Protein backbone atom coordinates (compact mmCIF):
# COMPACT_ATOMS: atom_id res chain seq x y z
CA MET A 1 88.98 119.71 112.61
CA SER A 2 91.51 117.57 114.44
CA VAL A 3 90.98 114.02 115.58
CA ALA A 4 94.23 113.45 117.45
CA PHE A 5 93.30 110.40 119.49
CA GLU A 6 93.74 112.06 122.86
CA TYR A 7 90.96 114.44 121.85
CA LEU A 8 88.49 111.79 120.71
CA PRO A 9 85.49 111.43 123.06
CA ASN A 10 86.46 109.54 126.22
CA ALA A 11 89.82 108.57 124.69
CA ARG A 12 91.70 108.91 127.96
CA ASP A 13 89.36 106.39 129.60
CA LEU A 14 89.74 103.76 126.89
CA GLY A 15 91.55 100.45 127.46
CA ALA A 16 94.02 98.53 125.31
CA ARG A 17 91.28 97.09 123.05
CA ASP A 18 90.00 100.58 122.42
CA SER A 19 93.40 101.73 121.16
CA LEU A 20 92.41 99.87 117.99
CA ASP A 21 89.28 102.02 117.85
CA ARG A 22 91.45 105.15 118.12
CA GLU A 23 93.82 103.90 115.42
CA ALA A 24 90.87 102.94 113.22
CA ALA A 25 89.45 106.46 113.66
CA LEU A 26 92.81 107.95 112.65
CA ILE A 27 92.96 105.73 109.56
CA ARG A 28 89.41 106.70 108.58
CA ARG A 29 90.32 110.39 108.95
CA ALA A 30 93.50 109.90 106.89
CA PHE A 31 91.37 108.40 104.12
CA GLU A 32 88.93 111.32 104.32
CA LEU A 33 91.82 113.69 103.68
CA ALA A 34 93.35 111.40 101.04
CA ALA A 35 90.13 111.64 99.02
CA ASP A 36 91.19 115.20 98.15
CA GLN A 37 94.55 113.99 96.80
CA PRO A 38 95.11 113.44 93.06
CA TYR A 39 95.18 109.63 93.37
CA GLY A 40 91.39 109.44 93.63
CA PHE A 41 90.49 106.94 96.35
CA THR A 42 88.36 106.88 99.49
CA PHE A 43 87.89 104.62 102.50
CA ASP A 44 85.39 102.59 100.46
CA ASP A 45 88.30 101.57 98.18
CA LEU A 46 90.31 100.13 101.08
CA GLU A 47 90.86 96.38 100.84
CA GLN A 48 93.14 96.08 103.85
CA VAL A 49 95.68 97.85 106.01
CA GLU A 50 98.96 95.96 105.60
CA ALA A 51 100.93 97.69 108.35
CA TYR A 52 100.71 100.79 110.52
CA ARG A 53 102.48 102.71 113.26
CA THR A 54 101.66 105.66 115.47
CA ARG A 55 103.63 108.18 117.46
CA ARG A 56 102.67 110.95 119.82
CA ALA A 57 104.77 114.08 120.12
CA GLY A 58 103.37 116.42 122.71
CA THR A 59 99.77 117.01 121.68
CA SER A 60 100.33 115.91 118.07
CA THR A 61 99.73 112.45 116.67
CA LEU A 62 101.41 110.85 113.66
CA LEU A 63 99.86 107.79 112.06
CA GLU A 64 101.40 106.02 109.11
CA CYS A 65 99.82 103.11 107.31
CA VAL A 66 100.37 101.04 104.21
CA ALA A 67 97.06 100.26 102.56
CA SER A 68 96.02 97.97 99.72
CA LEU A 69 93.10 99.14 97.62
CA THR A 70 90.50 96.99 95.91
CA ASP A 71 91.90 97.94 92.49
CA GLY A 72 95.35 96.53 93.37
CA ARG A 73 97.13 99.81 94.13
CA ARG A 74 99.09 100.28 97.35
CA PHE A 75 99.68 103.53 99.21
CA HIS A 76 101.59 104.87 102.17
CA LEU A 77 99.57 107.44 104.12
CA ALA A 78 101.28 109.69 106.66
CA TYR A 79 98.65 111.51 108.69
CA VAL A 80 99.32 114.25 111.26
CA ALA A 81 96.72 115.56 113.70
CA ALA A 82 97.30 118.36 116.18
CA PRO A 83 94.97 120.61 118.13
CA HIS A 84 94.47 124.12 116.74
CA ARG A 85 95.98 123.15 113.37
CA PRO A 86 94.42 121.62 110.27
CA ASP A 87 94.95 117.88 109.92
CA TRP A 88 96.98 116.85 106.89
CA VAL A 89 97.97 113.69 105.09
CA THR A 90 100.74 112.84 102.66
CA VAL A 91 99.95 110.06 100.18
CA THR A 92 102.63 108.12 98.32
CA GLN A 93 101.96 105.29 95.89
CA LEU A 94 104.00 102.12 96.48
CA MET A 95 105.03 99.38 94.09
CA THR A 96 103.36 95.97 94.41
CA HIS A 97 105.92 94.39 96.74
CA GLU A 98 107.64 97.52 98.08
CA PRO A 99 108.14 97.37 101.87
CA PRO A 100 106.84 100.10 104.18
CA PRO A 101 109.04 103.20 104.22
CA ALA A 102 111.95 103.09 106.64
CA THR A 103 112.72 105.96 108.99
CA GLY A 104 115.07 106.31 111.92
CA ALA A 105 114.10 103.96 114.75
CA ASP A 106 114.54 106.80 117.25
CA ARG A 107 111.88 108.93 115.46
CA VAL A 108 108.98 106.55 114.95
CA SER A 109 107.72 103.33 116.45
CA PRO A 110 108.26 100.11 114.50
CA TRP A 111 105.74 98.96 111.90
CA ILE A 112 102.94 96.76 113.22
CA ASP A 113 102.05 94.14 110.64
CA ASP A 114 99.76 92.00 112.80
CA VAL A 115 96.73 93.85 111.49
CA ALA A 116 93.91 91.31 111.40
CA GLU A 117 92.19 92.80 114.45
CA LEU A 118 92.63 96.37 113.20
CA ASN A 119 91.17 95.44 109.80
CA HIS A 120 88.26 93.78 111.61
CA THR A 121 87.77 96.95 113.69
CA LEU A 122 87.68 98.94 110.45
CA GLY A 123 84.90 96.65 109.23
CA LEU A 124 86.97 95.16 106.42
CA PRO A 125 86.35 91.59 105.28
CA LEU A 126 88.82 88.92 106.29
CA ILE A 127 91.21 88.19 103.45
CA PRO A 128 92.27 84.55 103.68
CA PRO A 129 95.88 83.68 102.93
CA PRO A 130 96.54 82.41 99.43
CA PRO A 131 95.98 78.68 99.02
CA THR A 132 98.96 76.41 99.51
CA PRO A 133 99.97 74.91 96.19
CA VAL A 134 99.45 71.18 95.84
CA ILE A 135 102.45 69.34 94.48
CA LEU A 136 101.55 66.06 92.84
CA PRO A 137 104.13 63.29 92.55
CA LEU A 138 105.61 62.66 89.15
CA PRO A 139 104.61 59.41 87.46
CA ALA A 140 107.03 56.56 88.02
CA ARG A 141 109.47 55.70 85.24
CA HIS A 142 109.66 52.10 83.99
């Protein structure tokens, strides 16, 4: 079963807002396939998508995303969908602060890290930024 976004129902008629729906569908499918990987996680374990990028090559679609899980682990998922071929995903665990993988700029689009709307489309809760530390003045010396 392939869910390359051009083959999703009515995908060619969708507007810019609906591209998030297509990307969300690709991410969900990548997580379905990742559930069969040895790392042992599913879409229900997803805390947030940190960054993603997509590329079309002919009738194939490549989606990459960096995802944080609720247990603190981070993964890079590279998902490929093409008609008449089985979908597949490659899953790589990332270190806590490791940046998204770099590839040649001519091969793949740049990483998109403005993901609040995509995470909302995926139905994930809003994760507020960490609180700003309060710095109190030191007591005066006499």
